[in-house]
Amino acid sequence: MADNYLEYHREDYERKKAAWLKKKRHCPHRSIEKPEDEAL
């Protein structure tokens, strides 16, 4: 195995994670609005 095998995979993981987080931030959060009267 190459000496930088783990480093390469770590860098690849970090790149994919950063892309996923960037994509995730652009999606608006949809929160469930609770009615004021909780009996409903």
N, C-alpha and C. Protein backbone atom coordinates (compact mmCIF):
# COMPACT_ATOMS: atom_id res chain seq x y z
N MET A 1 0.83 -1.20 0.00
CA MET A 1 0.00 0.00 0.00
C MET A 1 0.87 1.25 0.00
N ALA A 2 0.32 2.27 -0.56
CA ALA A 2 1.05 3.54 -0.59
C ALA A 2 1.05 4.17 0.80
N ASP A 3 2.08 4.92 1.08
CA ASP A 3 2.20 5.57 2.39
C ASP A 3 1.08 6.58 2.63
N ASN A 4 0.60 7.20 1.56
CA ASN A 4 -0.40 8.26 1.74
C ASN A 4 -1.82 7.75 1.52
N TYR A 5 -2.05 6.46 1.62
CA TYR A 5 -3.37 5.88 1.39
C TYR A 5 -4.41 6.48 2.33
N LEU A 6 -4.13 6.49 3.62
CA LEU A 6 -5.09 7.01 4.59
C LEU A 6 -5.28 8.52 4.43
N GLU A 7 -4.19 9.22 4.17
CA GLU A 7 -4.29 10.67 3.98
C GLU A 7 -5.17 11.01 2.78
N TYR A 8 -5.00 10.26 1.69
CA TYR A 8 -5.81 10.50 0.49
C TYR A 8 -7.28 10.28 0.80
N HIS A 9 -7.60 9.19 1.46
CA HIS A 9 -8.99 8.91 1.77
C HIS A 9 -9.57 9.91 2.75
N ARG A 10 -8.76 10.40 3.67
CA ARG A 10 -9.22 11.42 4.61
C ARG A 10 -9.54 12.71 3.87
N GLU A 11 -8.67 13.10 2.94
CA GLU A 11 -8.90 14.32 2.15
C GLU A 11 -10.17 14.18 1.30
N ASP A 12 -10.36 13.01 0.70
CA ASP A 12 -11.55 12.75 -0.10
C ASP A 12 -12.80 12.85 0.77
N TYR A 13 -12.74 12.28 1.97
CA TYR A 13 -13.85 12.34 2.91
C TYR A 13 -14.16 13.78 3.29
N GLU A 14 -13.11 14.56 3.58
CA GLU A 14 -13.31 15.96 3.97
C GLU A 14 -13.93 16.77 2.82
N ARG A 15 -13.51 16.50 1.58
CA ARG A 15 -14.08 17.21 0.42
C ARG A 15 -15.55 16.88 0.27
N LYS A 16 -15.90 15.61 0.38
CA LYS A 16 -17.31 15.21 0.24
C LYS A 16 -18.15 15.77 1.37
N LYS A 17 -17.59 15.78 2.58
CA LYS A 17 -18.31 16.31 3.73
C LYS A 17 -18.57 17.80 3.57
N ALA A 18 -17.55 18.54 3.10
CA ALA A 18 -17.71 19.99 2.90
C ALA A 18 -18.77 20.28 1.84
N ALA A 19 -18.77 19.50 0.76
CA ALA A 19 -19.77 19.69 -0.29
C ALA A 19 -21.17 19.40 0.25
N TRP A 20 -21.29 18.35 1.06
CA TRP A 20 -22.60 18.01 1.63
C TRP A 20 -23.09 19.09 2.57
N LEU A 21 -22.19 19.61 3.41
CA LEU A 21 -22.59 20.66 4.35
C LEU A 21 -22.98 21.94 3.61
N LYS A 22 -22.26 22.26 2.55
CA LYS A 22 -22.58 23.45 1.77
C LYS A 22 -23.96 23.30 1.14
N LYS A 23 -24.25 22.13 0.60
CA LYS A 23 -25.55 21.87 -0.01
C LYS A 23 -26.65 21.92 1.05
N LYS A 24 -26.37 21.37 2.22
CA LYS A 24 -27.34 21.32 3.30
C LYS A 24 -27.71 22.72 3.79
N ARG A 25 -26.76 23.62 3.84
CA ARG A 25 -27.02 24.98 4.33
C ARG A 25 -27.95 25.75 3.41
N HIS A 26 -27.96 25.43 2.12
CA HIS A 26 -28.79 26.17 1.18
C HIS A 26 -30.25 25.77 1.23
N CYS A 27 -30.54 24.63 1.81
CA CYS A 27 -31.93 24.18 1.93
C CYS A 27 -32.58 24.88 3.12
N PRO A 28 -33.74 25.49 2.92
CA PRO A 28 -34.40 26.13 4.06
C PRO A 28 -34.93 25.10 5.04
N HIS A 29 -34.85 25.43 6.30
CA HIS A 29 -35.38 24.54 7.32
C HIS A 29 -36.89 24.70 7.37
N ARG A 30 -37.54 23.60 7.41
CA ARG A 30 -39.00 23.64 7.53
C ARG A 30 -39.36 23.19 8.94
N SER A 31 -39.82 24.12 9.71
CA SER A 31 -40.19 23.77 11.08
C SER A 31 -41.70 23.54 11.14
N ILE A 32 -42.08 22.64 11.98
CA ILE A 32 -43.50 22.35 12.17
C ILE A 32 -44.06 23.39 13.14
N GLU A 33 -45.05 24.10 12.67
CA GLU A 33 -45.65 25.13 13.51
C GLU A 33 -46.71 24.48 14.40
N LYS A 34 -46.56 24.69 15.68
CA LYS A 34 -47.52 24.13 16.62
C LYS A 34 -48.68 25.12 16.80
N PRO A 35 -49.88 24.62 16.89
CA PRO A 35 -51.01 25.52 17.15
C PRO A 35 -50.91 26.08 18.57
N GLU A 36 -51.43 27.27 18.76
CA GLU A 36 -51.36 27.88 20.08
C GLU A 36 -52.18 27.11 21.10
N ASP A 37 -53.30 26.58 20.66
CA ASP A 37 -54.12 25.75 21.55
C ASP A 37 -53.69 24.32 21.37
N GLU A 38 -53.06 23.73 22.37
CA GLU A 38 -52.52 22.39 22.22
C GLU A 38 -53.58 21.31 22.24
N ALA A 39 -54.82 21.68 22.51
CA ALA A 39 -55.91 20.71 22.50
C ALA A 39 -56.28 20.32 21.07
N LEU A 40 -55.86 21.11 20.11
CA LEU A 40 -56.22 20.82 18.72
C LEU A 40 -55.46 19.64 18.18
